[in-house]
Amino acid sequence: MMLTIEDQPRVTATDSAIALIEEIRKDHPYILFHQSGGCCDGSSPMCYPADDFIVGDQDVKLGEIAGVPVYISASQFQAWKHTQLIIDVVPGRGGMFSLDNGREKRFLTRSRLLGFEGP
């Protein structure tokens, strides 16, 4: 079944990602995600304390997951504007400055074309 781009959120999260977000928010109640560089499938979104990251004029807000805003750089957005990002969790270490670092699991971005249903 074909769906329009407007029918789907630009960013979603798996149950595992939501659980890790909830874990991180126990220590850092206000966080945000920023997807930059290496976008998209298989890359790692960075998770920051909201007051430690300045959202730039060129950043695009994709939406929110579990009440947490998700941003992407404008240049990345142009390249991936027809794609839905799915934030997931896999074993491993997060980025050096990302709040998932040191938890033995990290966020991972998966993607699919907007407008299509899929797994």
C-alpha atoms as a PDB file:
ATOM      1  CA  MET A   1       0.000   0.000   0.000  1.00  0.00           C
ATOM      2  CA  MET A   2       1.345   3.411  -0.937  1.00  0.00           C
ATOM      3  CA  LEU A   3       1.272   6.060   1.742  1.00  0.00           C
ATOM      4  CA  THR A   4       2.014   9.713   1.234  1.00  0.00           C
ATOM      5  CA  ILE A   5       5.056  11.258   2.862  1.00  0.00           C
ATOM      6  CA  GLU A   6       2.735  13.289   5.086  1.00  0.00           C
ATOM      7  CA  ASP A   7       1.209  10.057   6.462  1.00  0.00           C
ATOM      8  CA  GLN A   8       4.447   9.000   8.153  1.00  0.00           C
ATOM      9  CA  PRO A   9       6.653  10.662  10.746  1.00  0.00           C
ATOM     10  CA  ARG A  10      10.162  11.519   9.566  1.00  0.00           C
ATOM     11  CA  VAL A  11      11.649   9.870  12.658  1.00  0.00           C
ATOM     12  CA  THR A  12      10.537   6.950  14.817  1.00  0.00           C
ATOM     13  CA  ALA A  13      12.142   4.750  17.474  1.00  0.00           C
ATOM     14  CA  THR A  14      12.124   1.095  18.386  1.00  0.00           C
ATOM     15  CA  ASP A  15      11.038  -0.088  21.821  1.00  0.00           C
ATOM     16  CA  SER A  16      14.717  -0.684  22.655  1.00  0.00           C
ATOM     17  CA  ALA A  17      15.590   2.906  21.779  1.00  0.00           C
ATOM     18  CA  ILE A  18      12.721   4.243  23.873  1.00  0.00           C
ATOM     19  CA  ALA A  19      13.908   2.127  26.820  1.00  0.00           C
ATOM     20  CA  LEU A  20      17.452   3.539  26.487  1.00  0.00           C
ATOM     21  CA  ILE A  21      16.074   7.075  26.218  1.00  0.00           C
ATOM     22  CA  GLU A  22      14.159   6.511  29.459  1.00  0.00           C
ATOM     23  CA  GLU A  23      17.328   5.173  31.124  1.00  0.00           C
ATOM     24  CA  ILE A  24      19.354   8.200  30.029  1.00  0.00           C
ATOM     25  CA  ARG A  25      16.639  10.633  31.115  1.00  0.00           C
ATOM     26  CA  LYS A  26      16.970   9.381  34.697  1.00  0.00           C
ATOM     27  CA  ASP A  27      20.393  11.068  34.711  1.00  0.00           C
ATOM     28  CA  HIS A  28      19.683  13.794  32.130  1.00  0.00           C
ATOM     29  CA  PRO A  29      15.977  14.753  32.046  1.00  0.00           C
ATOM     30  CA  TYR A  30      16.297  17.086  29.026  1.00  0.00           C
ATOM     31  CA  ILE A  31      18.069  15.612  26.017  1.00  0.00           C
ATOM     32  CA  LEU A  32      18.052  15.892  22.245  1.00  0.00           C
ATOM     33  CA  PHE A  33      19.348  13.918  19.277  1.00  0.00           C
ATOM     34  CA  HIS A  34      21.371  15.267  16.393  1.00  0.00           C
ATOM     35  CA  GLN A  35      22.040  13.239  13.261  1.00  0.00           C
ATOM     36  CA  SER A  36      25.035  14.581  11.403  1.00  0.00           C
ATOM     37  CA  GLY A  37      27.655  13.195   9.106  1.00  0.00           C
ATOM     38  CA  GLY A  38      27.624   9.598   8.009  1.00  0.00           C
ATOM     39  CA  CYS A  39      23.858   9.689   7.585  1.00  0.00           C
ATOM     40  CA  CYS A  40      21.970   7.567   7.616  1.00  0.00           C
ATOM     41  CA  ASP A  41      21.520   3.783   7.641  1.00  0.00           C
ATOM     42  CA  GLY A  42      23.982   2.316  10.138  1.00  0.00           C
ATOM     43  CA  SER A  43      25.213   5.642  11.488  1.00  0.00           C
ATOM     44  CA  SER A  44      24.891   6.772  15.079  1.00  0.00           C
ATOM     45  CA  PRO A  45      22.788   9.734  16.120  1.00  0.00           C
ATOM     46  CA  MET A  46      24.358  11.711  18.923  1.00  0.00           C
ATOM     47  CA  CYS A  47      22.396  12.155  22.158  1.00  0.00           C
ATOM     48  CA  TYR A  48      23.210  15.309  24.126  1.00  0.00           C
ATOM     49  CA  PRO A  49      21.937  17.124  27.201  1.00  0.00           C
ATOM     50  CA  ALA A  50      19.598  19.729  25.691  1.00  0.00           C
ATOM     51  CA  ASP A  51      21.406  22.620  27.374  1.00  0.00           C
ATOM     52  CA  ASP A  52      24.844  21.428  26.163  1.00  0.00           C
ATOM     53  CA  PHE A  53      24.059  21.518  22.442  1.00  0.00           C
ATOM     54  CA  ILE A  54      23.247  24.608  20.426  1.00  0.00           C
ATOM     55  CA  VAL A  55      20.824  23.845  17.614  1.00  0.00           C
ATOM     56  CA  GLY A  56      22.042  25.784  14.599  1.00  0.00           C
ATOM     57  CA  ASP A  57      20.063  27.902  12.163  1.00  0.00           C
ATOM     58  CA  GLN A  58      20.774  25.278   9.513  1.00  0.00           C
ATOM     59  CA  ASP A  59      19.499  22.333  11.573  1.00  0.00           C
ATOM     60  CA  VAL A  60      16.119  20.805  10.724  1.00  0.00           C
ATOM     61  CA  LYS A  61      13.857  19.312  13.375  1.00  0.00           C
ATOM     62  CA  LEU A  62      12.658  15.942  12.083  1.00  0.00           C
ATOM     63  CA  GLY A  63      10.254  15.348  14.947  1.00  0.00           C
ATOM     64  CA  GLU A  64      10.319  13.823  18.390  1.00  0.00           C
ATOM     65  CA  ILE A  65      10.728  10.323  19.781  1.00  0.00           C
ATOM     66  CA  ALA A  66       9.531   9.645  23.305  1.00  0.00           C
ATOM     67  CA  GLY A  67       9.221  13.416  23.751  1.00  0.00           C
ATOM     68  CA  VAL A  68      12.838  14.029  22.726  1.00  0.00           C
ATOM     69  CA  PRO A  69      13.513  16.315  19.731  1.00  0.00           C
ATOM     70  CA  VAL A  70      15.546  14.936  16.832  1.00  0.00           C
ATOM     71  CA  TYR A  71      17.506  17.280  14.550  1.00  0.00           C
ATOM     72  CA  ILE A  72      19.515  16.787  11.380  1.00  0.00           C
ATOM     73  CA  SER A  73      21.835  19.154   9.547  1.00  0.00           C
ATOM     74  CA  ALA A  74      20.197  20.911   6.592  1.00  0.00           C
ATOM     75  CA  SER A  75      22.632  19.383   4.093  1.00  0.00           C
ATOM     76  CA  GLN A  76      21.888  15.889   5.389  1.00  0.00           C
ATOM     77  CA  PHE A  77      18.165  16.631   5.338  1.00  0.00           C
ATOM     78  CA  GLN A  78      18.374  17.570   1.644  1.00  0.00           C
ATOM     79  CA  ALA A  79      20.091  14.278   0.852  1.00  0.00           C
ATOM     80  CA  TRP A  80      17.672  12.202   2.950  1.00  0.00           C
ATOM     81  CA  LYS A  81      14.397  14.163   2.807  1.00  0.00           C
ATOM     82  CA  HIS A  82      12.493  11.193   1.356  1.00  0.00           C
ATOM     83  CA  THR A  83      13.690   8.878   4.121  1.00  0.00           C
ATOM     84  CA  GLN A  84      12.243   7.983   7.497  1.00  0.00           C
ATOM     85  CA  LEU A  85      14.871   7.554  10.195  1.00  0.00           C
ATOM     86  CA  ILE A  86      14.317   4.774  12.717  1.00  0.00           C
ATOM     87  CA  ILE A  87      16.374   5.136  15.893  1.00  0.00           C
ATOM     88  CA  ASP A  88      17.322   1.715  17.252  1.00  0.00           C
ATOM     89  CA  VAL A  89      19.783   0.292  19.794  1.00  0.00           C
ATOM     90  CA  VAL A  90      22.584  -2.222  19.275  1.00  0.00           C
ATOM     91  CA  PRO A  91      25.362  -3.523  21.548  1.00  0.00           C
ATOM     92  CA  GLY A  92      28.458  -1.348  21.612  1.00  0.00           C
ATOM     93  CA  ARG A  93      29.791   2.014  22.696  1.00  0.00           C
ATOM     94  CA  GLY A  94      28.200   5.322  21.782  1.00  0.00           C
ATOM     95  CA  GLY A  95      30.052   8.330  20.434  1.00  0.00           C
ATOM     96  CA  MET A  96      32.562   9.956  22.763  1.00  0.00           C
ATOM     97  CA  PHE A  97      30.268  12.873  23.624  1.00  0.00           C
ATOM     98  CA  SER A  98      26.957  11.032  23.267  1.00  0.00           C
ATOM     99  CA  LEU A  99      25.020  10.139  26.420  1.00  0.00           C
ATOM    100  CA  ASP A 100      24.706   6.493  25.348  1.00  0.00           C
ATOM    101  CA  ASN A 101      28.489   6.106  25.721  1.00  0.00           C
ATOM    102  CA  GLY A 102      29.524   3.810  28.580  1.00  0.00           C
ATOM    103  CA  ARG A 103      26.200   1.943  28.724  1.00  0.00           C
ATOM    104  CA  GLU A 104      27.385  -0.988  26.586  1.00  0.00           C
ATOM    105  CA  LYS A 105      24.699  -0.205  24.022  1.00  0.00           C
ATOM    106  CA  ARG A 106      24.411   2.574  21.506  1.00  0.00           C
ATOM    107  CA  PHE A 107      21.872   4.257  19.311  1.00  0.00           C
ATOM    108  CA  LEU A 108      21.886   3.320  15.637  1.00  0.00           C
ATOM    109  CA  THR A 109      20.009   4.933  12.752  1.00  0.00           C
ATOM    110  CA  ARG A 110      18.150   2.727  10.328  1.00  0.00           C
ATOM    111  CA  SER A 111      16.140   4.103   7.431  1.00  0.00           C
ATOM    112  CA  ARG A 112      13.434   3.421   4.895  1.00  0.00           C
ATOM    113  CA  LEU A 113      11.820   5.442   2.140  1.00  0.00           C
ATOM    114  CA  LEU A 114       8.873   7.531   3.234  1.00  0.00           C
ATOM    115  CA  GLY A 115       5.616   6.588   1.564  1.00  0.00           C
ATOM    116  CA  PHE A 116       6.119   2.821   1.774  1.00  0.00           C
ATOM    117  CA  GLU A 117       5.003   0.397   4.424  1.00  0.00           C
ATOM    118  CA  GLY A 118       7.633  -2.008   5.568  1.00  0.00           C
ATOM    119  CA  PRO A 119       9.035  -3.918   8.490  1.00  0.00           C
END
